[in-house]
Amino acid sequence: MSKPISNAKFRKLIKAMPPEKQRESLERSLRVLPQFILEEAGRVDGHYNPKVVKFLESRLRTARNLWSEYLIENHA
């Protein structure tokens, strides 16, 4: 399995997008990441990994910060 991009690269990637794509990507992240966290935390097959949950939580925090920056920048 490949390694996910870092939060810094995620931030840079989102910031490089046009405003409409930023909105779309951030809305998707804010919708999907909590579900991923719940799924990973609820695993009972012996493959639960707390590092994955920690990473997903940090990615969610980054997405929330980017969303608030987006709202401030675009007066939405």
C-alpha atoms as a PDB file:
ATOM      1  CA  MET A   1       0.000   0.000   0.000  1.00  0.00           C
ATOM      2  CA  SER A   2       1.325   3.435  -0.841  1.00  0.00           C
ATOM      3  CA  LYS A   3       2.033   6.080   1.740  1.00  0.00           C
ATOM      4  CA  PRO A   4      -0.435   9.020   1.843  1.00  0.00           C
ATOM      5  CA  ILE A   5       0.798  12.548   1.213  1.00  0.00           C
ATOM      6  CA  SER A   6       1.739  14.667   4.198  1.00  0.00           C
ATOM      7  CA  ASN A   7      -0.547  17.348   5.576  1.00  0.00           C
ATOM      8  CA  ALA A   8       1.840  20.044   4.331  1.00  0.00           C
ATOM      9  CA  LYS A   9       1.644  18.685   0.777  1.00  0.00           C
ATOM     10  CA  PHE A  10      -2.135  18.317   1.128  1.00  0.00           C
ATOM     11  CA  ARG A  11      -2.334  21.975   2.172  1.00  0.00           C
ATOM     12  CA  LYS A  12      -0.125  23.050  -0.727  1.00  0.00           C
ATOM     13  CA  LEU A  13      -2.161  20.962  -3.174  1.00  0.00           C
ATOM     14  CA  ILE A  14      -5.457  22.477  -2.014  1.00  0.00           C
ATOM     15  CA  LYS A  15      -4.086  26.038  -2.022  1.00  0.00           C
ATOM     16  CA  ALA A  16      -2.867  25.609  -5.624  1.00  0.00           C
ATOM     17  CA  MET A  17      -6.394  24.809  -6.851  1.00  0.00           C
ATOM     18  CA  PRO A  18      -8.855  27.393  -8.165  1.00  0.00           C
ATOM     19  CA  PRO A  19     -11.462  28.447  -5.564  1.00  0.00           C
ATOM     20  CA  GLU A  20     -14.259  26.221  -6.906  1.00  0.00           C
ATOM     21  CA  LYS A  21     -12.029  23.125  -6.857  1.00  0.00           C
ATOM     22  CA  GLN A  22     -10.824  24.055  -3.350  1.00  0.00           C
ATOM     23  CA  ARG A  23     -14.416  24.160  -2.163  1.00  0.00           C
ATOM     24  CA  GLU A  24     -15.256  20.843  -3.800  1.00  0.00           C
ATOM     25  CA  SER A  25     -12.188  19.064  -2.408  1.00  0.00           C
ATOM     26  CA  LEU A  26     -12.563  20.453   1.092  1.00  0.00           C
ATOM     27  CA  GLU A  27     -16.269  19.639   1.251  1.00  0.00           C
ATOM     28  CA  ARG A  28     -15.477  16.083   0.174  1.00  0.00           C
ATOM     29  CA  SER A  29     -12.690  15.761   2.742  1.00  0.00           C
ATOM     30  CA  LEU A  30     -14.905  17.095   5.532  1.00  0.00           C
ATOM     31  CA  ARG A  31     -17.634  14.631   4.561  1.00  0.00           C
ATOM     32  CA  VAL A  32     -15.465  11.533   4.072  1.00  0.00           C
ATOM     33  CA  LEU A  33     -12.711  11.769   6.694  1.00  0.00           C
ATOM     34  CA  PRO A  34     -14.998  11.387   9.750  1.00  0.00           C
ATOM     35  CA  GLN A  35     -16.462   8.275   8.133  1.00  0.00           C
ATOM     36  CA  PHE A  36     -12.963   6.873   7.505  1.00  0.00           C
ATOM     37  CA  ILE A  37     -12.047   7.520  11.158  1.00  0.00           C
ATOM     38  CA  LEU A  38     -15.146   5.698  12.393  1.00  0.00           C
ATOM     39  CA  GLU A  39     -14.517   2.764  10.078  1.00  0.00           C
ATOM     40  CA  GLU A  40     -10.888   2.436  11.126  1.00  0.00           C
ATOM     41  CA  ALA A  41     -11.646   2.823  14.842  1.00  0.00           C
ATOM     42  CA  GLY A  42     -14.398   0.239  14.588  1.00  0.00           C
ATOM     43  CA  ARG A  43     -12.286  -2.507  13.011  1.00  0.00           C
ATOM     44  CA  VAL A  44     -12.475  -5.768  14.885  1.00  0.00           C
ATOM     45  CA  ASP A  45     -10.529  -7.956  12.462  1.00  0.00           C
ATOM     46  CA  GLY A  46      -7.255  -7.479  14.305  1.00  0.00           C
ATOM     47  CA  HIS A  47      -5.883  -4.929  11.844  1.00  0.00           C
ATOM     48  CA  TYR A  48      -6.785  -1.804  13.811  1.00  0.00           C
ATOM     49  CA  ASN A  49      -3.919   0.652  13.667  1.00  0.00           C
ATOM     50  CA  PRO A  50      -3.962   3.680  16.015  1.00  0.00           C
ATOM     51  CA  LYS A  51      -1.411   5.451  13.794  1.00  0.00           C
ATOM     52  CA  VAL A  52      -3.919   5.444  10.938  1.00  0.00           C
ATOM     53  CA  VAL A  53      -6.603   6.986  13.158  1.00  0.00           C
ATOM     54  CA  LYS A  54      -4.122   9.602  14.384  1.00  0.00           C
ATOM     55  CA  PHE A  55      -3.178  10.486  10.788  1.00  0.00           C
ATOM     56  CA  LEU A  56      -6.820  10.719   9.684  1.00  0.00           C
ATOM     57  CA  GLU A  57      -7.621  12.974  12.655  1.00  0.00           C
ATOM     58  CA  SER A  58      -4.718  15.273  11.783  1.00  0.00           C
ATOM     59  CA  ARG A  59      -5.847  15.357   8.137  1.00  0.00           C
ATOM     60  CA  LEU A  60      -9.361  16.276   9.312  1.00  0.00           C
ATOM     61  CA  ARG A  61      -7.956  19.117  11.444  1.00  0.00           C
ATOM     62  CA  THR A  62      -5.984  20.357   8.436  1.00  0.00           C
ATOM     63  CA  ALA A  63      -9.092  20.218   6.234  1.00  0.00           C
ATOM     64  CA  ARG A  64     -11.103  22.149   8.842  1.00  0.00           C
ATOM     65  CA  ASN A  65      -8.401  24.826   9.037  1.00  0.00           C
ATOM     66  CA  LEU A  66      -8.269  25.083   5.251  1.00  0.00           C
ATOM     67  CA  TRP A  67     -12.080  25.316   5.119  1.00  0.00           C
ATOM     68  CA  SER A  68     -12.108  28.225   7.576  1.00  0.00           C
ATOM     69  CA  GLU A  69      -9.340  29.945   5.571  1.00  0.00           C
ATOM     70  CA  TYR A  70     -11.342  29.380   2.387  1.00  0.00           C
ATOM     71  CA  LEU A  71     -14.452  30.941   3.940  1.00  0.00           C
ATOM     72  CA  ILE A  72     -12.500  33.958   5.138  1.00  0.00           C
ATOM     73  CA  GLU A  73     -10.729  34.466   1.792  1.00  0.00           C
ATOM     74  CA  ASN A  74     -13.864  34.089  -0.315  1.00  0.00           C
ATOM     75  CA  HIS A  75     -16.391  35.688   2.051  1.00  0.00           C
ATOM     76  CA  ALA A  76     -18.721  32.746   1.669  1.00  0.00           C
END
